[in-house]
Amino acid sequence: LILFGDPQSNPVIKKVLGDLPIKWTSESLLVNGKKYDADH
């Protein structure tokens, strides 16, 4: 699966996100224990 976009624009990203080791919302991104603003 080669996916582009974000969970709001790509329904496949939204679907697989729960199985990935990151948390990604329209407000923030959480990767490896660190939180980033929505511009990441």
ModelCIF file with pLDDT and N, C-alpha, C, O atoms, coordinates in Angstrom:
data_MODEL
#
_entry.id   MODEL 
#
_entity.id                         1 
_entity.type                       polymer 
_entity.pdbx_number_of_molecules   1 
#
_entity_poly.entity_id                      1 
_entity_poly.type                           'polypeptide(L)' 
_entity_poly.nstd_linkage                   no 
_entity_poly.nstd_monomer                   no 
_entity_poly.pdbx_seq_one_letter_code       LILFGDPQSNPVIKKVLGDLPIKWTSESLLVNGKKYDADH 
_entity_poly.pdbx_seq_one_letter_code_can   LILFGDPQSNPVIKKVLGDLPIKWTSESLLVNGKKYDADH 
_entity_poly.pdbx_strand_id                 A 
#
loop_
_entity_poly_seq.entity_id 
_entity_poly_seq.num 
_entity_poly_seq.mon_id 
_entity_poly_seq.hetero 
1 1  LEU n 
1 2  ILE n 
1 3  LEU n 
1 4  PHE n 
1 5  GLY n 
1 6  ASP n 
1 7  PRO n 
1 8  GLN n 
1 9  SER n 
1 10 ASN n 
1 11 PRO n 
1 12 VAL n 
1 13 ILE n 
1 14 LYS n 
1 15 LYS n 
1 16 VAL n 
1 17 LEU n 
1 18 GLY n 
1 19 ASP n 
1 20 LEU n 
1 21 PRO n 
1 22 ILE n 
1 23 LYS n 
1 24 TRP n 
1 25 THR n 
1 26 SER n 
1 27 GLU n 
1 28 SER n 
1 29 LEU n 
1 30 LEU n 
1 31 VAL n 
1 32 ASN n 
1 33 GLY n 
1 34 LYS n 
1 35 LYS n 
1 36 TYR n 
1 37 ASP n 
1 38 ALA n 
1 39 ASP n 
1 40 HIS n 
#
_struct_asym.id          A 
_struct_asym.entity_id   1 
#
loop_
_ma_qa_metric.id 
_ma_qa_metric.mode 
_ma_qa_metric.name 
_ma_qa_metric.software_group_id 
_ma_qa_metric.type 
1 global pLDDT . pLDDT 
2 local  pLDDT . pLDDT 
#
_ma_qa_metric_global.metric_id      1 
_ma_qa_metric_global.metric_value   95.05 
_ma_qa_metric_global.model_id       1 
_ma_qa_metric_global.ordinal_id     1 
#
loop_
_ma_qa_metric_local.label_asym_id 
_ma_qa_metric_local.label_comp_id 
_ma_qa_metric_local.label_seq_id 
_ma_qa_metric_local.metric_id 
_ma_qa_metric_local.metric_value 
_ma_qa_metric_local.model_id 
_ma_qa_metric_local.ordinal_id 
A LEU 1  2 93.00 1 1  
A ILE 2  2 92.00 1 2  
A LEU 3  2 94.00 1 3  
A PHE 4  2 93.00 1 4  
A GLY 5  2 92.00 1 5  
A ASP 6  2 94.00 1 6  
A PRO 7  2 95.00 1 7  
A GLN 8  2 95.00 1 8  
A SER 9  2 94.00 1 9  
A ASN 10 2 95.00 1 10 
A PRO 11 2 95.00 1 11 
A VAL 12 2 94.00 1 12 
A ILE 13 2 95.00 1 13 
A LYS 14 2 95.00 1 14 
A LYS 15 2 94.00 1 15 
A VAL 16 2 94.00 1 16 
A LEU 17 2 95.00 1 17 
A GLY 18 2 94.00 1 18 
A ASP 19 2 94.00 1 19 
A LEU 20 2 96.00 1 20 
A PRO 21 2 96.00 1 21 
A ILE 22 2 97.00 1 22 
A LYS 23 2 97.00 1 23 
A TRP 24 2 97.00 1 24 
A THR 25 2 96.00 1 25 
A SER 26 2 94.00 1 26 
A GLU 27 2 96.00 1 27 
A SER 28 2 97.00 1 28 
A LEU 29 2 97.00 1 29 
A LEU 30 2 97.00 1 30 
A VAL 31 2 97.00 1 31 
A ASN 32 2 95.00 1 32 
A GLY 33 2 94.00 1 33 
A LYS 34 2 96.00 1 34 
A LYS 35 2 97.00 1 35 
A TYR 36 2 97.00 1 36 
A ASP 37 2 96.00 1 37 
A ALA 38 2 94.00 1 38 
A ASP 39 2 94.00 1 39 
A HIS 40 2 95.00 1 40 
#
loop_
_atom_site.group_PDB 
_atom_site.id 
_atom_site.type_symbol 
_atom_site.label_atom_id 
_atom_site.label_alt_id 
_atom_site.label_comp_id 
_atom_site.label_asym_id 
_atom_site.label_entity_id 
_atom_site.label_seq_id 
_atom_site.pdbx_PDB_ins_code 
_atom_site.Cartn_x 
_atom_site.Cartn_y 
_atom_site.Cartn_z 
_atom_site.occupancy 
_atom_site.B_iso_or_equiv 
_atom_site.pdbx_formal_charge 
_atom_site.auth_seq_id 
_atom_site.auth_comp_id 
_atom_site.auth_asym_id 
_atom_site.auth_atom_id 
_atom_site.pdbx_PDB_model_num 
ATOM 1   N N  . LEU A 1 1  ? 0.855   -1.182 0.000  1.00 93.00 ? 1  LEU A N  1 
ATOM 2   C CA . LEU A 1 1  ? 0.000   0.000  0.000  1.00 93.00 ? 1  LEU A CA 1 
ATOM 3   C C  . LEU A 1 1  ? 0.895   1.237  0.000  1.00 93.00 ? 1  LEU A C  1 
ATOM 4   O O  . LEU A 1 1  ? 1.592   1.504  0.979  1.00 93.00 ? 1  LEU A O  1 
ATOM 5   N N  . ILE A 1 2  ? 0.874   1.976  -1.078 1.00 92.00 ? 2  ILE A N  1 
ATOM 6   C CA . ILE A 1 2  ? 1.651   3.199  -1.197 1.00 92.00 ? 2  ILE A CA 1 
ATOM 7   C C  . ILE A 1 2  ? 0.648   4.343  -1.083 1.00 92.00 ? 2  ILE A C  1 
ATOM 8   O O  . ILE A 1 2  ? -0.138  4.588  -1.998 1.00 92.00 ? 2  ILE A O  1 
ATOM 9   N N  . LEU A 1 3  ? 0.685   5.045  0.059  1.00 94.00 ? 3  LEU A N  1 
ATOM 10  C CA . LEU A 1 3  ? -0.380  5.988  0.412  1.00 94.00 ? 3  LEU A CA 1 
ATOM 11  C C  . LEU A 1 3  ? 0.161   7.402  0.587  1.00 94.00 ? 3  LEU A C  1 
ATOM 12  O O  . LEU A 1 3  ? 1.241   7.613  1.139  1.00 94.00 ? 3  LEU A O  1 
ATOM 13  N N  . PHE A 1 4  ? -0.613  8.355  0.105  1.00 93.00 ? 4  PHE A N  1 
ATOM 14  C CA . PHE A 1 4  ? -0.252  9.766  0.228  1.00 93.00 ? 4  PHE A CA 1 
ATOM 15  C C  . PHE A 1 4  ? -1.408  10.522 0.855  1.00 93.00 ? 4  PHE A C  1 
ATOM 16  O O  . PHE A 1 4  ? -2.572  10.161 0.684  1.00 93.00 ? 4  PHE A O  1 
ATOM 17  N N  . GLY A 1 5  ? -1.070  11.580 1.585  1.00 92.00 ? 5  GLY A N  1 
ATOM 18  C CA . GLY A 1 5  ? -2.093  12.408 2.194  1.00 92.00 ? 5  GLY A CA 1 
ATOM 19  C C  . GLY A 1 5  ? -2.054  12.295 3.703  1.00 92.00 ? 5  GLY A C  1 
ATOM 20  O O  . GLY A 1 5  ? -1.000  12.095 4.307  1.00 92.00 ? 5  GLY A O  1 
ATOM 21  N N  . ASP A 1 6  ? -3.233  12.429 4.300  1.00 94.00 ? 6  ASP A N  1 
ATOM 22  C CA . ASP A 1 6  ? -3.379  12.341 5.750  1.00 94.00 ? 6  ASP A CA 1 
ATOM 23  C C  . ASP A 1 6  ? -4.674  11.575 6.034  1.00 94.00 ? 6  ASP A C  1 
ATOM 24  O O  . ASP A 1 6  ? -5.419  11.261 5.106  1.00 94.00 ? 6  ASP A O  1 
ATOM 25  N N  . PRO A 1 7  ? -4.947  11.275 7.299  1.00 95.00 ? 7  PRO A N  1 
ATOM 26  C CA . PRO A 1 7  ? -6.154  10.490 7.606  1.00 95.00 ? 7  PRO A CA 1 
ATOM 27  C C  . PRO A 1 7  ? -7.458  11.177 7.207  1.00 95.00 ? 7  PRO A C  1 
ATOM 28  O O  . PRO A 1 7  ? -8.470  10.507 7.002  1.00 95.00 ? 7  PRO A O  1 
ATOM 29  N N  . GLN A 1 8  ? -7.446  12.493 7.095  1.00 95.00 ? 8  GLN A N  1 
ATOM 30  C CA . GLN A 1 8  ? -8.659  13.208 6.717  1.00 95.00 ? 8  GLN A CA 1 
ATOM 31  C C  . GLN A 1 8  ? -8.894  13.161 5.205  1.00 95.00 ? 8  GLN A C  1 
ATOM 32  O O  . GLN A 1 8  ? -10.040 13.211 4.758  1.00 95.00 ? 8  GLN A O  1 
ATOM 33  N N  . SER A 1 9  ? -7.830  13.067 4.421  1.00 94.00 ? 9  SER A N  1 
ATOM 34  C CA . SER A 1 9  ? -7.975  13.092 2.961  1.00 94.00 ? 9  SER A CA 1 
ATOM 35  C C  . SER A 1 9  ? -7.884  11.713 2.314  1.00 94.00 ? 9  SER A C  1 
ATOM 36  O O  . SER A 1 9  ? -8.305  11.540 1.170  1.00 94.00 ? 9  SER A O  1 
ATOM 37  N N  . ASN A 1 10 ? -7.344  10.739 3.028  1.00 95.00 ? 10 ASN A N  1 
ATOM 38  C CA . ASN A 1 10 ? -7.152  9.411  2.451  1.00 95.00 ? 10 ASN A CA 1 
ATOM 39  C C  . ASN A 1 10 ? -7.795  8.368  3.359  1.00 95.00 ? 10 ASN A C  1 
ATOM 40  O O  . ASN A 1 10 ? -7.275  8.102  4.443  1.00 95.00 ? 10 ASN A O  1 
ATOM 41  N N  . PRO A 1 11 ? -8.908  7.773  2.948  1.00 95.00 ? 11 PRO A N  1 
ATOM 42  C CA . PRO A 1 11 ? -9.599  6.812  3.802  1.00 95.00 ? 11 PRO A CA 1 
ATOM 43  C C  . PRO A 1 11 ? -8.802  5.539  4.074  1.00 95.00 ? 11 PRO A C  1 
ATOM 44  O O  . PRO A 1 11 ? -9.047  4.868  5.077  1.00 95.00 ? 11 PRO A O  1 
ATOM 45  N N  . VAL A 1 12 ? -7.867  5.197  3.215  1.00 94.00 ? 12 VAL A N  1 
ATOM 46  C CA . VAL A 1 12 ? -7.049  4.004  3.471  1.00 94.00 ? 12 VAL A CA 1 
ATOM 47  C C  . VAL A 1 12 ? -6.044  4.290  4.580  1.00 94.00 ? 12 VAL A C  1 
ATOM 48  O O  . VAL A 1 12 ? -5.800  3.430  5.427  1.00 94.00 ? 12 VAL A O  1 
ATOM 49  N N  . ILE A 1 13 ? -5.459  5.484  4.588  1.00 95.00 ? 13 ILE A N  1 
ATOM 50  C CA . ILE A 1 13 ? -4.587  5.852  5.715  1.00 95.00 ? 13 ILE A CA 1 
ATOM 51  C C  . ILE A 1 13 ? -5.389  5.806  7.005  1.00 95.00 ? 13 ILE A C  1 
ATOM 52  O O  . ILE A 1 13 ? -4.925  5.266  8.009  1.00 95.00 ? 13 ILE A O  1 
ATOM 53  N N  . LYS A 1 14 ? -6.583  6.366  6.982  1.00 95.00 ? 14 LYS A N  1 
ATOM 54  C CA . LYS A 1 14 ? -7.432  6.355  8.176  1.00 95.00 ? 14 LYS A CA 1 
ATOM 55  C C  . LYS A 1 14 ? -7.684  4.922  8.649  1.00 95.00 ? 14 LYS A C  1 
ATOM 56  O O  . LYS A 1 14 ? -7.686  4.656  9.851  1.00 95.00 ? 14 LYS A O  1 
ATOM 57  N N  . LYS A 1 15 ? -7.895  4.004  7.711  1.00 94.00 ? 15 LYS A N  1 
ATOM 58  C CA . LYS A 1 15 ? -8.191  2.611  8.040  1.00 94.00 ? 15 LYS A CA 1 
ATOM 59  C C  . LYS A 1 15 ? -6.979  1.895  8.650  1.00 94.00 ? 15 LYS A C  1 
ATOM 60  O O  . LYS A 1 15 ? -7.138  1.168  9.630  1.00 94.00 ? 15 LYS A O  1 
ATOM 61  N N  . VAL A 1 16 ? -5.775  2.080  8.098  1.00 94.00 ? 16 VAL A N  1 
ATOM 62  C CA . VAL A 1 16 ? -4.598  1.348  8.577  1.00 94.00 ? 16 VAL A CA 1 
ATOM 63  C C  . VAL A 1 16 ? -3.943  2.006  9.782  1.00 94.00 ? 16 VAL A C  1 
ATOM 64  O O  . VAL A 1 16 ? -3.123  1.380  10.453 1.00 94.00 ? 16 VAL A O  1 
ATOM 65  N N  . LEU A 1 17 ? -4.287  3.248  10.067 1.00 95.00 ? 17 LEU A N  1 
ATOM 66  C CA . LEU A 1 17 ? -3.617  4.008  11.117 1.00 95.00 ? 17 LEU A CA 1 
ATOM 67  C C  . LEU A 1 17 ? -3.627  3.299  12.468 1.00 95.00 ? 17 LEU A C  1 
ATOM 68  O O  . LEU A 1 17 ? -2.642  3.366  13.203 1.00 95.00 ? 17 LEU A O  1 
ATOM 69  N N  . GLY A 1 18 ? -4.710  2.631  12.803 1.00 94.00 ? 18 GLY A N  1 
ATOM 70  C CA . GLY A 1 18 ? -4.775  1.929  14.083 1.00 94.00 ? 18 GLY A CA 1 
ATOM 71  C C  . GLY A 1 18 ? -3.786  0.779  14.203 1.00 94.00 ? 18 GLY A C  1 
ATOM 72  O O  . GLY A 1 18 ? -3.518  0.309  15.308 1.00 94.00 ? 18 GLY A O  1 
ATOM 73  N N  . ASP A 1 19 ? -3.242  0.318  13.080 1.00 94.00 ? 19 ASP A N  1 
ATOM 74  C CA . ASP A 1 19 ? -2.280  -0.779 13.074 1.00 94.00 ? 19 ASP A CA 1 
ATOM 75  C C  . ASP A 1 19 ? -0.842  -0.293 12.923 1.00 94.00 ? 19 ASP A C  1 
ATOM 76  O O  . ASP A 1 19 ? 0.078   -1.105 12.835 1.00 94.00 ? 19 ASP A O  1 
ATOM 77  N N  . LEU A 1 20 ? -0.645  1.001  12.893 1.00 96.00 ? 20 LEU A N  1 
ATOM 78  C CA . LEU A 1 20 ? 0.694   1.572  12.766 1.00 96.00 ? 20 LEU A CA 1 
ATOM 79  C C  . LEU A 1 20 ? 1.150   2.105  14.123 1.00 96.00 ? 20 LEU A C  1 
ATOM 80  O O  . LEU A 1 20 ? 0.315   2.403  14.977 1.00 96.00 ? 20 LEU A O  1 
ATOM 81  N N  . PRO A 1 21 ? 2.459   2.230  14.334 1.00 96.00 ? 21 PRO A N  1 
ATOM 82  C CA . PRO A 1 21 ? 2.965   2.662  15.641 1.00 96.00 ? 21 PRO A CA 1 
ATOM 83  C C  . PRO A 1 21 ? 2.983   4.177  15.820 1.00 96.00 ? 21 PRO A C  1 
ATOM 84  O O  . PRO A 1 21 ? 3.833   4.712  16.532 1.00 96.00 ? 21 PRO A O  1 
ATOM 85  N N  . ILE A 1 22 ? 2.051   4.861  15.178 1.00 97.00 ? 22 ILE A N  1 
ATOM 86  C CA . ILE A 1 22 ? 1.954   6.317  15.310 1.00 97.00 ? 22 ILE A CA 1 
ATOM 87  C C  . ILE A 1 22 ? 0.504   6.680  15.607 1.00 97.00 ? 22 ILE A C  1 
ATOM 88  O O  . ILE A 1 22 ? -0.405  5.885  15.371 1.00 97.00 ? 22 ILE A O  1 
ATOM 89  N N  . LYS A 1 23 ? 0.299   7.868  16.117 1.00 97.00 ? 23 LYS A N  1 
ATOM 90  C CA . LYS A 1 23 ? -1.033  8.444  16.293 1.00 97.00 ? 23 LYS A CA 1 
ATOM 91  C C  . LYS A 1 23 ? -1.050  9.725  15.482 1.00 97.00 ? 23 LYS A C  1 
ATOM 92  O O  . LYS A 1 23 ? -0.157  10.563 15.610 1.00 97.00 ? 23 LYS A O  1 
ATOM 93  N N  . TRP A 1 24 ? -2.091  9.877  14.629 1.00 97.00 ? 24 TRP A N  1 
ATOM 94  C CA . TRP A 1 24 ? -2.110  11.020 13.719 1.00 97.00 ? 24 TRP A CA 1 
ATOM 95  C C  . TRP A 1 24 ? -3.523  11.538 13.607 1.00 97.00 ? 24 TRP A C  1 
ATOM 96  O O  . TRP A 1 24 ? -4.419  10.835 13.140 1.00 97.00 ? 24 TRP A O  1 
ATOM 97  N N  . THR A 1 25 ? -3.720  12.773 14.038 1.00 96.00 ? 25 THR A N  1 
ATOM 98  C CA . THR A 1 25 ? -5.020  13.429 13.949 1.00 96.00 ? 25 THR A CA 1 
ATOM 99  C C  . THR A 1 25 ? -4.840  14.751 13.197 1.00 96.00 ? 25 THR A C  1 
ATOM 100 O O  . THR A 1 25 ? -3.730  15.104 12.798 1.00 96.00 ? 25 THR A O  1 
ATOM 101 N N  . SER A 1 26 ? -5.922  15.456 13.014 1.00 94.00 ? 26 SER A N  1 
ATOM 102 C CA . SER A 1 26 ? -5.822  16.759 12.356 1.00 94.00 ? 26 SER A CA 1 
ATOM 103 C C  . SER A 1 26 ? -5.121  17.784 13.248 1.00 94.00 ? 26 SER A C  1 
ATOM 104 O O  . SER A 1 26 ? -4.692  18.829 12.759 1.00 94.00 ? 26 SER A O  1 
ATOM 105 N N  . GLU A 1 27 ? -4.999  17.505 14.538 1.00 96.00 ? 27 GLU A N  1 
ATOM 106 C CA . GLU A 1 27 ? -4.356  18.439 15.466 1.00 96.00 ? 27 GLU A CA 1 
ATOM 107 C C  . GLU A 1 27 ? -2.889  18.135 15.741 1.00 96.00 ? 27 GLU A C  1 
ATOM 108 O O  . GLU A 1 27 ? -2.114  19.049 16.023 1.00 96.00 ? 27 GLU A O  1 
ATOM 109 N N  . SER A 1 28 ? -2.491  16.851 15.663 1.00 97.00 ? 28 SER A N  1 
ATOM 110 C CA . SER A 1 28 ? -1.123  16.522 16.049 1.00 97.00 ? 28 SER A CA 1 
ATOM 111 C C  . SER A 1 28 ? -0.690  15.170 15.480 1.00 97.00 ? 28 SER A C  1 
ATOM 112 O O  . SER A 1 28 ? -1.487  14.404 14.939 1.00 97.00 ? 28 SER A O  1 
ATOM 113 N N  . LEU A 1 29 ? 0.601   14.920 15.627 1.00 97.00 ? 29 LEU A N  1 
ATOM 114 C CA . LEU A 1 29 ? 1.226   13.671 15.210 1.00 97.00 ? 29 LEU A CA 1 
ATOM 115 C C  . LEU A 1 29 ? 2.077   13.185 16.369 1.00 97.00 ? 29 LEU A C  1 
ATOM 116 O O  . LEU A 1 29 ? 2.871   13.948 16.919 1.00 97.00 ? 29 LEU A O  1 
ATOM 117 N N  . LEU A 1 30 ? 1.917   11.910 16.749 1.00 97.00 ? 30 LEU A N  1 
ATOM 118 C CA . LEU A 1 30 ? 2.712   11.322 17.819 1.00 97.00 ? 30 LEU A CA 1 
ATOM 119 C C  . LEU A 1 30 ? 3.546   10.203 17.214 1.00 97.00 ? 30 LEU A C  1 
ATOM 120 O O  . LEU A 1 30 ? 3.013   9.208  16.722 1.00 97.00 ? 30 LEU A O  1 
ATOM 121 N N  . VAL A 1 31 ? 4.866   10.381 17.258 1.00 97.00 ? 31 VAL A N  1 
ATOM 122 C CA . VAL A 1 31 ? 5.805   9.408  16.691 1.00 97.00 ? 31 VAL A CA 1 
ATOM 123 C C  . VAL A 1 31 ? 6.917   9.169  17.699 1.00 97.00 ? 31 VAL A C  1 
ATOM 124 O O  . VAL A 1 31 ? 7.557   10.109 18.168 1.00 97.00 ? 31 VAL A O  1 
ATOM 125 N N  . ASN A 1 32 ? 7.139   7.903  18.028 1.00 95.00 ? 32 ASN A N  1 
ATOM 126 C CA . ASN A 1 32 ? 8.219   7.513  18.941 1.00 95.00 ? 32 ASN A CA 1 
ATOM 127 C C  . ASN A 1 32 ? 8.161   8.283  20.263 1.00 95.00 ? 32 ASN A C  1 
ATOM 128 O O  . ASN A 1 32 ? 9.190   8.692  20.801 1.00 95.00 ? 32 ASN A O  1 
ATOM 129 N N  . GLY A 1 33 ? 6.954   8.471  20.770 1.00 94.00 ? 33 GLY A N  1 
ATOM 130 C CA . GLY A 1 33 ? 6.764   9.128  22.055 1.00 94.00 ? 33 GLY A CA 1 
ATOM 131 C C  . GLY A 1 33 ? 6.840   10.641 22.027 1.00 94.00 ? 33 GLY A C  1 
ATOM 132 O O  . GLY A 1 33 ? 6.707   11.280 23.071 1.00 94.00 ? 33 GLY A O  1 
ATOM 133 N N  . LYS A 1 34 ? 7.049   11.228 20.867 1.00 96.00 ? 34 LYS A N  1 
ATOM 134 C CA . LYS A 1 34 ? 7.146   12.684 20.777 1.00 96.00 ? 34 LYS A CA 1 
ATOM 135 C C  . LYS A 1 34 ? 5.968   13.225 19.983 1.00 96.00 ? 34 LYS A C  1 
ATOM 136 O O  . LYS A 1 34 ? 5.598   12.682 18.942 1.00 96.00 ? 34 LYS A O  1 
ATOM 137 N N  . LYS A 1 35 ? 5.380   14.312 20.496 1.00 97.00 ? 35 LYS A N  1 
ATOM 138 C CA . LYS A 1 35 ? 4.226   14.936 19.867 1.00 97.00 ? 35 LYS A CA 1 
ATOM 139 C C  . LYS A 1 35 ? 4.673   16.108 19.001 1.00 97.00 ? 35 LYS A C  1 
ATOM 140 O O  . LYS A 1 35 ? 5.501   16.924 19.406 1.00 97.00 ? 35 LYS A O  1 
ATOM 141 N N  . TYR A 1 36 ? 4.101   16.169 17.797 1.00 97.00 ? 36 TYR A N  1 
ATOM 142 C CA . TYR A 1 36 ? 4.399   17.231 16.839 1.00 97.00 ? 36 TYR A CA 1 
ATOM 143 C C  . TYR A 1 36 ? 3.110   17.961 16.481 1.00 97.00 ? 36 TYR A C  1 
ATOM 144 O O  . TYR A 1 36 ? 2.024   17.383 16.529 1.00 97.00 ? 36 TYR A O  1 
ATOM 145 N N  . ASP A 1 37 ? 3.239   19.227 16.124 1.00 96.00 ? 37 ASP A N  1 
ATOM 146 C CA . ASP A 1 37 ? 2.085   20.019 15.698 1.00 96.00 ? 37 ASP A CA 1 
ATOM 147 C C  . ASP A 1 37 ? 1.535   19.508 14.372 1.00 96.00 ? 37 ASP A C  1 
ATOM 148 O O  . ASP A 1 37 ? 2.158   18.678 13.710 1.00 96.00 ? 37 ASP A O  1 
ATOM 149 N N  . ALA A 1 38 ? 0.385   20.002 13.998 1.00 94.00 ? 38 ALA A N  1 
ATOM 150 C CA . ALA A 1 38 ? -0.319  19.562 12.791 1.00 94.00 ? 38 ALA A CA 1 
ATOM 151 C C  . ALA A 1 38 ? 0.424   19.901 11.501 1.00 94.00 ? 38 ALA A C  1 
ATOM 152 O O  . ALA A 1 38 ? 0.054   19.398 10.440 1.00 94.00 ? 38 ALA A O  1 
ATOM 153 N N  . ASP A 1 39 ? 1.450   20.730 11.559 1.00 94.00 ? 39 ASP A N  1 
ATOM 154 C CA . ASP A 1 39 ? 2.207   21.042 10.347 1.00 94.00 ? 39 ASP A CA 1 
ATOM 155 C C  . ASP A 1 39 ? 3.331   20.030 10.087 1.00 94.00 ? 39 ASP A C  1 
ATOM 156 O O  . ASP A 1 39 ? 4.249   20.297 9.312  1.00 94.00 ? 39 ASP A O  1 
ATOM 157 N N  . HIS A 1 40 ? 3.247   18.872 10.743 1.00 95.00 ? 40 HIS A N  1 
ATOM 158 C CA . HIS A 1 40 ? 4.197   17.783 10.554 1.00 95.00 ? 40 HIS A CA 1 
ATOM 159 C C  . HIS A 1 40 ? 3.474   16.567 9.987  1.00 95.00 ? 40 HIS A C  1 
ATOM 160 O O  . HIS A 1 40 ? 4.098   15.532 9.752  1.00 95.00 ? 40 HIS A O  1 
#
